[in-house]
Amino acid sequence: MRTLRTAAAAALIVTLTACGGTTSGAGEDEPSAGAKGTVNLAINPWVGYEANAAVIAYLLEKKMGYTVEKKELKEEIAWQGFETGEVDAIVENWGHPDLKKTYIEDKKVAVEVGPTGNQGVIGWYVPQWMVDKYPDITDWKSLDKYADLFKTSESKGKGQFLAGDPSFVTNDEALVTNLKLNYTVVYSGSEAAIIKAAQQASAQTKPLLFYFYEPQWLFAKEKYVRVKLPEYKEGCDADPKKVACDYPDYVLDKIASKKFADGNSTAYQLVKNFQWTNDDQNLVSDYLTNQGMSAEQAAEKWVNEHESTWKPWIPAGS
């Protein structure tokens, strides 16, 4: 995702093939579906992105008269869609200065559309019980002292560092190498798998050192503590192979294709106007993950209870 998260982790991509610019017709309250075109929403593999997508899709369909189709796209692959015309917008981007340079500055096929309102944090974490028992474990310089606690059948005789989805663009392998830590990076395979491991580490008091990120609903359920890596300084992660510093904090933002932005449809305006908080995203993520709701059900519940938040996102005359 994320440095992405990818994460991140460590983006949620909205491919909006709206028919031209602003279209009059269906009103704001329950317009006829499909009156304004099709929105192809690509979903990246983390629930926070799915939460953004769920609410955006719900508003586009139920309040603005678009048809929404969803498809899965890996994070970096989605950026390629700006050039091919397959992707109109990414609605949760975690940094990616390299991709911004390629597609915004050099190829000029994409533009920045402003923040999502979410503050993104990526880091290394341990469960609270480990900090209570080993107070210095949150200092990276102490990690080798505890490496034996984290050994697993997959860690090749070293401590295990548990990473997430291998498609997330992360710095963890470089950090282990460049900080000369006695650990092996093992990939859990998905966001769901790393969450399950984190929950088990708390419930069963099992040692776990793992990659994780915020916003994320799990922090509202369990306590985890971030490990202090060498301080992030501007440019310290410029060379992915030489990274030896912590992840930066991210102001998550949105990216759109230049063609989509220039069309200035009401769908584009909604994406541009969309901003909410980490708490908003975590709430919808919790609906999706823990309360058995579909994307539409989760979005509908949030929309019904937060009209004052989303109402300003709807463009005038929609």
Protein backbone atom coordinates (compact mmCIF):
# COMPACT_ATOMS: atom_id res chain seq x y z
CA MET A 1 0.00 0.00 0.00
CA ARG A 2 1.50 2.11 0.44
CA THR A 3 4.51 3.99 0.15
CA LEU A 4 3.21 2.60 -1.27
CA ARG A 5 0.88 1.38 1.51
CA THR A 6 0.87 0.24 -1.77
CA ALA A 7 0.31 -0.92 3.91
CA ALA A 8 0.19 0.41 2.90
CA ALA A 9 -0.49 -0.48 2.00
CA ALA A 10 0.73 1.13 0.81
CA ALA A 11 -4.88 3.13 -3.95
CA LEU A 12 -8.55 2.99 -4.22
CA ILE A 13 -9.25 3.75 -7.77
CA VAL A 14 -12.28 5.09 -9.29
CA THR A 15 -12.55 4.73 -13.02
CA LEU A 16 -15.19 7.15 -14.01
CA THR A 17 -16.30 6.89 -17.60
CA ALA A 18 -18.95 9.52 -17.29
CA CYS A 19 -20.60 10.61 -20.47
CA GLY A 20 -19.07 14.02 -21.02
CA GLY A 21 -19.45 16.88 -18.59
CA THR A 22 -22.28 17.84 -16.30
CA THR A 23 -25.57 16.32 -17.38
CA SER A 24 -28.90 17.65 -16.29
CA GLY A 25 -31.78 15.33 -15.57
CA ALA A 26 -32.04 13.15 -12.49
CA GLY A 27 -32.30 15.08 -9.27
CA GLU A 28 -30.27 14.69 -6.13
CA ASP A 29 -32.70 12.41 -4.33
CA GLU A 30 -32.84 8.91 -5.81
CA PRO A 31 -32.46 9.74 -9.51
CA SER A 32 -32.91 7.06 -12.16
CA ALA A 33 -29.78 4.90 -12.27
CA GLY A 34 -27.49 5.30 -15.23
CA ALA A 35 -28.85 8.67 -16.33
CA LYS A 36 -25.37 10.21 -16.48
CA GLY A 37 -23.01 7.42 -17.49
CA THR A 38 -20.98 4.61 -15.97
CA VAL A 39 -18.49 4.76 -13.11
CA ASN A 40 -16.01 1.87 -13.09
CA LEU A 41 -14.67 1.61 -9.56
CA ALA A 42 -11.43 -0.33 -9.14
CA ILE A 43 -10.83 -1.68 -5.64
CA ASN A 44 -7.36 -2.00 -4.14
CA PRO A 45 -6.75 -4.69 -1.51
CA TRP A 46 -7.33 -2.90 1.79
CA VAL A 47 -10.56 -2.19 3.56
CA GLY A 48 -10.02 1.55 4.03
CA TYR A 49 -9.93 1.96 0.28
CA GLU A 50 -13.05 -0.18 0.03
CA ALA A 51 -14.74 2.16 2.52
CA ASN A 52 -13.94 5.21 0.38
CA ALA A 53 -15.17 3.36 -2.71
CA ALA A 54 -18.38 2.21 -1.05
CA VAL A 55 -19.47 5.71 -0.09
CA ILE A 56 -18.43 7.30 -3.38
CA ALA A 57 -20.22 4.57 -5.36
CA TYR A 58 -23.36 4.88 -3.25
CA LEU A 59 -23.55 8.64 -3.74
CA LEU A 60 -22.86 8.41 -7.46
CA GLU A 61 -25.60 5.83 -7.92
CA LYS A 62 -28.25 6.83 -5.42
CA LYS A 63 -27.87 10.59 -5.31
CA MET A 64 -26.45 11.52 -8.71
CA GLY A 65 -27.76 9.06 -11.29
CA TYR A 66 -24.60 7.27 -12.38
CA THR A 67 -24.18 3.53 -12.90
CA VAL A 68 -21.21 2.10 -10.98
CA GLU A 69 -19.27 -1.01 -11.92
CA LYS A 70 -16.50 -2.29 -9.64
CA LYS A 71 -13.33 -4.17 -10.55
CA GLU A 72 -10.11 -5.05 -8.75
CA LEU A 73 -6.84 -3.34 -9.70
CA LYS A 74 -3.45 -3.49 -8.02
CA GLU A 75 -2.29 -0.14 -6.78
CA GLU A 76 0.53 0.72 -9.16
CA ILE A 77 -1.20 -0.88 -12.15
CA ALA A 78 -4.06 1.55 -11.66
CA TRP A 79 -1.76 4.49 -12.42
CA GLN A 80 -1.06 2.99 -15.84
CA GLY A 81 -4.76 3.44 -16.56
CA PHE A 82 -4.34 7.22 -16.69
CA GLU A 83 -2.33 6.76 -19.87
CA THR A 84 -4.53 4.07 -21.42
CA GLY A 85 -7.79 5.83 -20.55
CA GLU A 86 -9.00 2.98 -18.35
CA VAL A 87 -8.74 4.90 -15.05
CA ASP A 88 -10.18 8.33 -14.34
CA ALA A 89 -9.42 8.73 -10.64
CA ILE A 90 -7.56 7.27 -7.70
CA VAL A 91 -9.36 8.21 -4.49
CA GLU A 92 -6.81 7.16 -1.88
CA ASN A 93 -3.21 7.71 -2.88
CA TRP A 94 -0.39 7.10 -0.40
CA GLY A 95 2.44 9.36 -1.50
CA HIS A 96 3.98 7.84 -4.63
CA PRO A 97 6.20 10.78 -5.65
CA ASP A 98 7.76 8.53 -8.30
CA LEU A 99 4.39 7.81 -9.91
CA LYS A 100 3.37 11.45 -9.66
CA LYS A 101 6.54 12.43 -11.51
CA THR A 102 5.92 9.86 -14.23
CA TYR A 103 2.23 10.42 -14.86
CA ILE A 104 1.69 14.03 -13.76
CA GLU A 105 4.94 15.82 -14.53
CA ASP A 106 6.43 13.81 -17.38
CA LYS A 107 3.53 12.23 -19.28
CA LYS A 108 1.01 14.88 -18.22
CA VAL A 109 -1.89 12.41 -18.23
CA ALA A 110 -2.93 12.92 -14.58
CA VAL A 111 -3.51 15.73 -12.09
CA GLU A 112 -3.72 16.05 -8.31
CA VAL A 113 -7.26 16.53 -7.02
CA GLY A 114 -6.68 17.37 -3.36
CA PRO A 115 -6.70 15.52 -0.04
CA THR A 116 -9.15 12.83 1.08
CA GLY A 117 -9.04 14.27 4.60
CA ASN A 118 -7.40 11.10 5.92
CA GLN A 119 -4.03 11.15 7.66
CA GLY A 120 -2.01 8.06 6.73
CA VAL A 121 0.51 6.42 9.04
CA ILE A 122 2.68 3.41 8.18
CA GLY A 123 5.02 1.76 10.64
CA TRP A 124 6.25 -1.27 12.54
CA TYR A 125 4.11 -2.37 15.48
CA VAL A 126 4.04 -4.76 18.43
CA PRO A 127 1.05 -5.62 20.65
CA GLN A 128 0.67 -3.63 23.86
CA TRP A 129 1.36 -6.64 26.10
CA MET A 130 4.89 -6.88 24.69
CA VAL A 131 5.60 -3.24 25.56
CA ASP A 132 4.32 -3.85 29.09
CA LYS A 133 6.68 -6.83 29.46
CA TYR A 134 9.64 -5.48 27.45
CA PRO A 135 9.53 -1.66 27.70
CA ASP A 136 12.52 -1.05 25.42
CA ILE A 137 11.14 -3.16 22.56
CA THR A 138 9.76 -0.06 20.85
CA ASP A 139 13.34 1.14 20.14
CA TRP A 140 14.61 -0.41 16.90
CA LYS A 141 18.09 -0.70 18.43
CA SER A 142 16.67 -3.22 20.91
CA LEU A 143 14.94 -5.42 18.35
CA ASP A 144 17.86 -7.84 17.87
CA LYS A 145 17.89 -8.50 21.60
CA TYR A 146 14.39 -9.92 21.24
CA ALA A 147 14.77 -11.60 17.84
CA ASP A 148 14.49 -15.11 19.31
CA LEU A 149 10.99 -14.29 20.58
CA PHE A 150 9.81 -13.75 17.02
CA LYS A 151 11.27 -16.89 15.39
CA THR A 152 8.85 -18.96 13.32
CA SER A 153 9.11 -21.91 10.97
CA GLU A 154 9.25 -19.44 8.08
CA SER A 155 11.84 -17.01 9.41
CA LYS A 156 14.97 -19.06 8.63
CA GLY A 157 16.41 -19.06 12.14
CA LYS A 158 15.98 -15.31 12.54
CA GLY A 159 13.21 -13.23 14.05
CA GLN A 160 10.12 -12.88 11.90
CA PHE A 161 8.93 -9.51 10.69
CA LEU A 162 5.40 -9.99 9.38
CA ALA A 163 4.55 -7.92 6.32
CA GLY A 164 1.20 -7.67 4.57
CA ASP A 165 0.08 -8.07 0.98
CA PRO A 166 3.16 -8.56 -1.24
CA SER A 167 1.66 -6.13 -3.76
CA PHE A 168 2.00 -3.30 -1.23
CA VAL A 169 5.05 -1.18 -2.05
CA THR A 170 6.89 -1.10 1.27
CA ASN A 171 10.38 -0.42 2.65
CA ASP A 172 10.53 -3.30 5.11
CA GLU A 173 13.04 -5.57 3.40
CA ALA A 174 15.37 -2.62 2.82
CA LEU A 175 15.00 -1.54 6.45
CA VAL A 176 15.87 -5.00 7.77
CA THR A 177 18.93 -5.13 5.51
CA ASN A 178 20.17 -1.57 5.97
CA LEU A 179 19.62 -1.50 9.73
CA LYS A 180 21.40 -4.88 9.89
CA LEU A 181 18.59 -6.49 11.86
CA ASN A 182 18.51 -10.23 12.58
CA TYR A 183 15.07 -10.64 11.03
CA THR A 184 13.46 -12.17 7.97
CA VAL A 185 10.52 -10.46 6.25
CA VAL A 186 7.64 -12.92 5.88
CA TYR A 187 4.54 -11.91 3.92
CA SER A 188 1.15 -12.68 5.43
CA GLY A 189 -0.43 -12.47 1.98
CA SER A 190 -3.26 -10.01 2.61
CA GLU A 191 -4.61 -7.30 4.85
CA ALA A 192 -7.07 -9.80 6.36
CA ALA A 193 -4.25 -12.21 7.23
CA ILE A 194 -2.12 -9.60 8.97
CA ILE A 195 -5.15 -8.38 10.95
CA LYS A 196 -5.87 -11.95 12.06
CA ALA A 197 -2.25 -12.38 13.16
CA ALA A 198 -2.39 -9.09 15.09
CA GLN A 199 -5.62 -10.10 16.83
CA GLN A 200 -4.15 -13.48 17.80
CA ALA A 201 -1.02 -11.80 19.12
CA SER A 202 -3.14 -9.77 21.52
CA ALA A 203 -5.62 -12.47 22.48
CA GLN A 204 -3.05 -15.24 22.93
CA THR A 205 -0.09 -13.11 24.07
CA LYS A 206 1.96 -14.27 21.10
CA PRO A 207 5.04 -12.23 20.09
CA LEU A 208 4.52 -10.35 16.85
CA LEU A 209 6.45 -7.62 15.04
CA PHE A 210 4.47 -6.46 12.04
CA TYR A 211 3.85 -3.87 9.38
CA PHE A 212 0.63 -1.95 9.77
CA TYR A 213 -1.04 1.37 9.05
CA GLU A 214 -3.70 3.89 9.90
CA PRO A 215 -6.50 4.68 9.26
CA GLN A 216 -7.51 1.16 10.23
CA TRP A 217 -10.51 0.01 12.27
CA LEU A 218 -8.40 -2.45 14.30
CA PHE A 219 -6.84 0.35 16.35
CA ALA A 220 -10.28 1.04 17.80
CA LYS A 221 -10.51 -2.59 18.98
CA GLU A 222 -6.99 -3.48 20.16
CA LYS A 223 -3.86 -1.70 21.40
CA TYR A 224 -0.66 -1.81 19.38
CA VAL A 225 2.44 0.32 19.79
CA ARG A 226 4.62 1.70 17.03
CA VAL A 227 8.32 0.88 17.02
CA LYS A 228 10.59 3.92 16.75
CA LEU A 229 12.74 3.54 13.65
CA PRO A 230 15.40 6.11 12.65
CA GLU A 231 13.68 9.44 12.15
CA TYR A 232 12.28 10.19 8.71
CA LYS A 233 13.94 13.10 6.95
CA GLU A 234 13.04 14.48 3.55
CA GLY A 235 14.68 12.36 0.86
CA CYS A 236 15.82 9.54 3.15
CA ASP A 237 13.62 7.13 1.20
CA ALA A 238 14.54 8.42 -2.25
CA ASP A 239 16.43 5.24 -3.13
CA PRO A 240 14.22 2.24 -2.27
CA LYS A 241 17.25 -0.02 -1.88
CA LYS A 242 19.02 2.27 0.60
CA VAL A 243 16.12 3.19 2.90
CA ALA A 244 17.20 3.20 6.57
CA CYS A 245 14.60 5.56 8.04
CA ASP A 246 11.00 5.39 9.21
CA TYR A 247 8.03 5.90 6.94
CA PRO A 248 6.76 9.47 6.61
CA ASP A 249 3.27 10.45 7.62
CA TYR A 250 1.03 10.84 4.61
CA VAL A 251 -1.66 13.33 3.72
CA LEU A 252 -3.72 10.96 1.58
CA ASP A 253 -4.89 12.49 -1.65
CA LYS A 254 -6.78 11.88 -4.87
CA ILE A 255 -5.46 11.71 -8.41
CA ALA A 256 -7.49 12.04 -11.62
CA SER A 257 -6.73 11.62 -15.29
CA LYS A 258 -6.25 14.95 -17.01
CA LYS A 259 -9.00 14.08 -19.48
CA PHE A 260 -11.44 13.31 -16.68
CA ALA A 261 -10.53 16.49 -14.81
CA ASP A 262 -10.81 18.64 -17.92
CA GLY A 263 -14.30 17.21 -18.57
CA ASN A 264 -15.38 18.57 -15.16
CA SER A 265 -18.40 16.25 -14.94
CA THR A 266 -20.44 16.12 -11.76
CA ALA A 267 -18.79 12.73 -11.08
CA TYR A 268 -15.37 14.40 -11.16
CA GLN A 269 -16.65 17.20 -8.94
CA LEU A 270 -17.87 14.66 -6.35
CA VAL A 271 -14.45 12.97 -6.28
CA LYS A 272 -12.80 16.38 -5.94
CA ASN A 273 -15.14 17.41 -3.11
CA PHE A 274 -14.89 14.11 -1.21
CA GLN A 275 -13.18 14.59 2.17
CA TRP A 276 -13.74 12.79 5.44
CA THR A 277 -11.85 11.81 8.59
CA ASN A 278 -10.01 8.71 9.76
CA ASP A 279 -12.92 8.09 12.12
CA ASP A 280 -15.38 8.19 9.23
CA GLN A 281 -13.34 5.71 7.23
CA ASN A 282 -12.76 3.42 10.21
CA LEU A 283 -16.51 3.35 10.92
CA VAL A 284 -17.38 2.21 7.40
CA SER A 285 -14.45 -0.24 7.45
CA ASP A 286 -15.84 -1.72 10.66
CA TYR A 287 -19.27 -2.13 9.03
CA LEU A 288 -17.64 -3.98 6.13
CA THR A 289 -15.28 -6.14 8.15
CA ASN A 290 -17.02 -6.91 11.42
CA GLN A 291 -20.72 -6.32 10.95
CA GLY A 292 -21.31 -8.39 7.84
CA MET A 293 -22.51 -5.51 5.70
CA SER A 294 -22.15 -5.30 1.94
CA ALA A 295 -20.50 -2.22 0.48
CA GLU A 296 -23.91 -0.74 -0.35
CA GLN A 297 -25.32 -1.50 3.11
CA ALA A 298 -22.30 0.02 4.86
CA ALA A 299 -22.40 3.12 2.70
CA GLU A 300 -26.15 3.51 3.11
CA LYS A 301 -25.88 3.36 6.90
CA TRP A 302 -23.08 5.90 6.98
CA VAL A 303 -24.80 8.21 4.48
CA ASN A 304 -28.08 8.10 6.41
CA GLU A 305 -26.30 9.07 9.63
CA HIS A 306 -23.85 11.68 8.29
CA GLU A 307 -25.78 13.91 5.89
CA SER A 308 -24.02 17.05 7.09
CA THR A 309 -20.68 15.53 6.03
CA TRP A 310 -21.52 14.33 2.53
CA LYS A 311 -24.13 16.90 1.48
CA PRO A 312 -21.47 19.52 0.58
CA TRP A 313 -19.73 17.01 -1.70
CA ILE A 314 -22.71 16.88 -4.09
CA PRO A 315 -22.21 19.42 -6.88
CA ALA A 316 -24.87 22.07 -7.33
CA GLY A 317 -27.46 21.05 -9.91
CA SER A 318 -26.73 17.35 -9.66
